[in-house]
Amino acid sequence: MSTELPKPTPPSDPRVFFAAERTMLAWLRTGLAVIGVGFLVARFGLFLEMLRHPGVDISPPLISSLIGIGFVLLGATLIGVSAWQHRAFIDEMTLEQRPNSYSMQLAVWVSAVVTFLGMALAIYLLLSVFTGEPIHAGAASPTSENVIYGELPGLDLTNPAD
């Protein structure tokens, strides 16, 4: 029978930790982009309705809002899961493998805060769809027809002395 000797612990190599942290931060950027797309989708339907019906009280469209909320939740979940995985990776590292004099939890805390803010944004968007007041596209906002012909409400270009 052959007896195997335990493998010696590799010396501290901070590149392993920093590579894992870069991966988590890449997921953070991806999640932020998905949250941004979600907000854009949720509000773009409202913008299109305001262009179609100027001066009318408009509620956010249900379909685009729900799709946008789904994107926001997906982005926040991506960030939360990547922070959880990174935290699990850090916990498996030995003290010798960890970089000295470096805050190993900062990126995890930032990701946690962004995750909770993403969830709060999703809740806000959801509440604005189901309990929000209709948004008034008032007469003070320029319509596409006013912009095409160079007319803006409250702006008189005929008398430059004013």
Protein backbone atom coordinates (compact mmCIF):
# COMPACT_ATOMS: atom_id res chain seq x y z
CA MET A 1 0.00 0.00 0.00
CA SER A 2 1.19 3.43 -0.77
CA THR A 3 0.60 6.22 1.62
CA GLU A 4 -0.01 9.64 0.21
CA LEU A 5 1.40 12.60 1.97
CA PRO A 6 -0.94 15.57 2.42
CA LYS A 7 -0.33 18.32 -0.04
CA PRO A 8 1.31 21.37 1.45
CA THR A 9 -0.77 24.50 1.59
CA PRO A 10 0.14 26.82 -1.25
CA PRO A 11 1.68 30.12 -0.23
CA SER A 12 -0.53 33.16 -0.08
CA ASP A 13 -1.38 34.27 -3.59
CA PRO A 14 -3.66 37.32 -3.55
CA ARG A 15 -4.34 36.90 -7.28
CA VAL A 16 -6.84 34.12 -6.49
CA PHE A 17 -8.89 36.34 -4.19
CA PHE A 18 -8.70 39.35 -6.49
CA ALA A 19 -9.77 37.26 -9.49
CA ALA A 20 -12.81 36.09 -7.53
CA GLU A 21 -13.58 39.66 -6.50
CA ARG A 22 -13.31 40.88 -10.10
CA THR A 23 -15.75 38.16 -11.13
CA MET A 24 -18.23 39.27 -8.47
CA LEU A 25 -17.84 42.91 -9.51
CA ALA A 26 -18.45 41.93 -13.15
CA TRP A 27 -21.73 40.33 -12.04
CA LEU A 28 -22.49 43.52 -10.11
CA ARG A 29 -22.06 45.59 -13.28
CA THR A 30 -24.17 43.12 -15.26
CA GLY A 31 -26.90 43.25 -12.63
CA LEU A 32 -26.89 47.06 -12.63
CA ALA A 33 -27.24 47.04 -16.42
CA VAL A 34 -30.18 44.63 -16.21
CA ILE A 35 -31.81 46.81 -13.53
CA GLY A 36 -31.34 49.86 -15.77
CA VAL A 37 -32.92 48.06 -18.74
CA GLY A 38 -35.80 47.02 -16.50
CA PHE A 39 -36.44 50.57 -15.36
CA LEU A 40 -36.25 51.77 -18.96
CA VAL A 41 -38.74 49.14 -20.15
CA ALA A 42 -41.10 49.85 -17.24
CA ARG A 43 -41.17 53.57 -17.93
CA PHE A 44 -40.86 53.59 -21.72
CA GLY A 45 -44.43 52.33 -22.14
CA LEU A 46 -45.61 55.25 -20.02
CA PHE A 47 -43.56 57.66 -22.13
CA LEU A 48 -45.12 56.31 -25.34
CA GLU A 49 -48.62 56.66 -23.89
CA MET A 50 -47.88 60.26 -22.92
CA LEU A 51 -46.78 60.99 -26.49
CA ARG A 52 -49.91 59.36 -27.95
CA HIS A 53 -52.33 61.15 -25.60
CA PRO A 54 -50.93 64.53 -24.51
CA GLY A 55 -52.81 66.33 -21.76
CA VAL A 56 -54.59 63.20 -20.51
CA ASP A 57 -54.21 61.40 -17.19
CA ILE A 58 -52.33 58.18 -17.93
CA SER A 59 -51.67 55.12 -15.81
CA PRO A 60 -48.50 53.11 -16.42
CA PRO A 61 -49.15 50.33 -18.97
CA LEU A 62 -49.39 46.94 -17.26
CA ILE A 63 -47.43 44.76 -19.71
CA SER A 64 -44.34 46.96 -20.09
CA SER A 65 -44.33 47.65 -16.36
CA LEU A 66 -44.43 43.96 -15.48
CA ILE A 67 -41.68 43.12 -17.97
CA GLY A 68 -39.56 45.96 -16.60
CA ILE A 69 -40.18 44.86 -13.01
CA GLY A 70 -39.10 41.36 -14.02
CA PHE A 71 -35.82 42.74 -15.38
CA VAL A 72 -35.26 44.78 -12.20
CA LEU A 73 -35.85 41.71 -10.04
CA LEU A 74 -33.57 39.62 -12.26
CA GLY A 75 -30.75 42.18 -11.98
CA ALA A 76 -31.11 42.45 -8.21
CA THR A 77 -31.13 38.65 -7.91
CA LEU A 78 -27.98 38.37 -10.05
CA ILE A 79 -26.18 40.79 -7.75
CA GLY A 80 -27.38 39.06 -4.59
CA VAL A 81 -26.43 35.57 -5.79
CA SER A 82 -22.99 36.70 -6.93
CA ALA A 83 -22.35 38.32 -3.52
CA TRP A 84 -23.51 35.14 -1.77
CA GLN A 85 -21.21 32.98 -3.93
CA HIS A 86 -18.27 35.32 -3.33
CA ARG A 87 -18.90 35.24 0.41
CA ALA A 88 -18.95 31.42 0.33
CA PHE A 89 -15.65 31.44 -1.59
CA ILE A 90 -14.05 33.77 0.96
CA ASP A 91 -15.17 31.52 3.80
CA GLU A 92 -13.44 28.53 2.19
CA MET A 93 -10.11 30.34 1.93
CA THR A 94 -7.57 29.71 4.66
CA LEU A 95 -5.99 32.61 6.50
CA GLU A 96 -2.78 32.05 4.57
CA GLN A 97 -4.60 32.40 1.24
CA ARG A 98 -6.24 35.68 2.13
CA PRO A 99 -4.54 38.96 1.24
CA ASN A 100 -3.13 40.87 4.18
CA SER A 101 -4.43 44.33 5.13
CA TYR A 102 -7.35 44.32 2.72
CA SER A 103 -11.07 44.73 3.39
CA MET A 104 -12.50 41.50 2.08
CA GLN A 105 -16.11 42.40 2.85
CA LEU A 106 -16.45 45.80 1.16
CA ALA A 107 -17.51 44.45 -2.23
CA VAL A 108 -19.98 42.07 -0.57
CA TRP A 109 -21.55 44.93 1.42
CA VAL A 110 -21.78 47.15 -1.66
CA SER A 111 -23.46 44.31 -3.55
CA ALA A 112 -25.89 43.74 -0.68
CA VAL A 113 -26.86 47.43 -0.64
CA VAL A 114 -27.36 47.49 -4.42
CA THR A 115 -29.44 44.29 -4.17
CA PHE A 116 -31.75 45.85 -1.58
CA LEU A 117 -32.02 49.08 -3.58
CA GLY A 118 -32.92 47.05 -6.67
CA MET A 119 -35.63 45.25 -4.72
CA ALA A 120 -36.90 48.60 -3.42
CA LEU A 121 -37.05 49.91 -7.00
CA ALA A 122 -39.04 46.85 -8.05
CA ILE A 123 -41.48 47.39 -5.19
CA TYR A 124 -41.83 51.07 -6.11
CA LEU A 125 -42.53 50.22 -9.75
CA LEU A 126 -45.02 47.55 -8.72
CA LEU A 127 -46.84 49.93 -6.39
CA SER A 128 -46.90 52.66 -9.04
CA VAL A 129 -48.67 50.28 -11.41
CA PHE A 130 -51.33 48.98 -9.02
CA THR A 131 -51.88 51.78 -6.49
CA GLY A 132 -50.43 54.88 -8.10
CA GLU A 133 -52.32 57.90 -9.20
CA PRO A 134 -52.62 58.45 -12.94
CA ILE A 135 -49.83 60.61 -14.26
CA HIS A 136 -51.03 63.83 -15.83
CA ALA A 137 -49.35 64.70 -19.10
CA GLY A 138 -50.27 68.35 -18.58
CA ALA A 139 -50.54 71.07 -21.17
CA ALA A 140 -47.28 72.60 -19.96
CA SER A 141 -45.29 69.74 -21.45
CA PRO A 142 -44.41 70.11 -25.12
CA THR A 143 -46.15 67.78 -27.52
CA SER A 144 -44.45 66.25 -30.51
CA GLU A 145 -46.45 68.58 -32.76
CA ASN A 146 -45.24 71.66 -30.84
CA VAL A 147 -41.65 70.54 -31.05
CA ILE A 148 -41.88 69.83 -34.79
CA TYR A 149 -43.16 73.33 -35.52
CA GLY A 150 -40.80 75.01 -33.06
CA GLU A 151 -43.51 76.05 -30.62
CA LEU A 152 -43.11 75.60 -26.91
CA PRO A 153 -45.84 76.55 -24.42
CA GLY A 154 -45.06 79.74 -22.54
CA LEU A 155 -42.22 80.70 -24.87
CA ASP A 156 -42.84 83.74 -27.05
CA LEU A 157 -40.12 84.21 -29.64
CA THR A 158 -41.94 87.04 -31.48
CA ASN A 159 -40.95 89.77 -29.01
CA PRO A 160 -37.26 89.49 -28.04
CA ALA A 161 -37.53 92.45 -25.60
CA ASP A 162 -39.42 90.26 -23.07
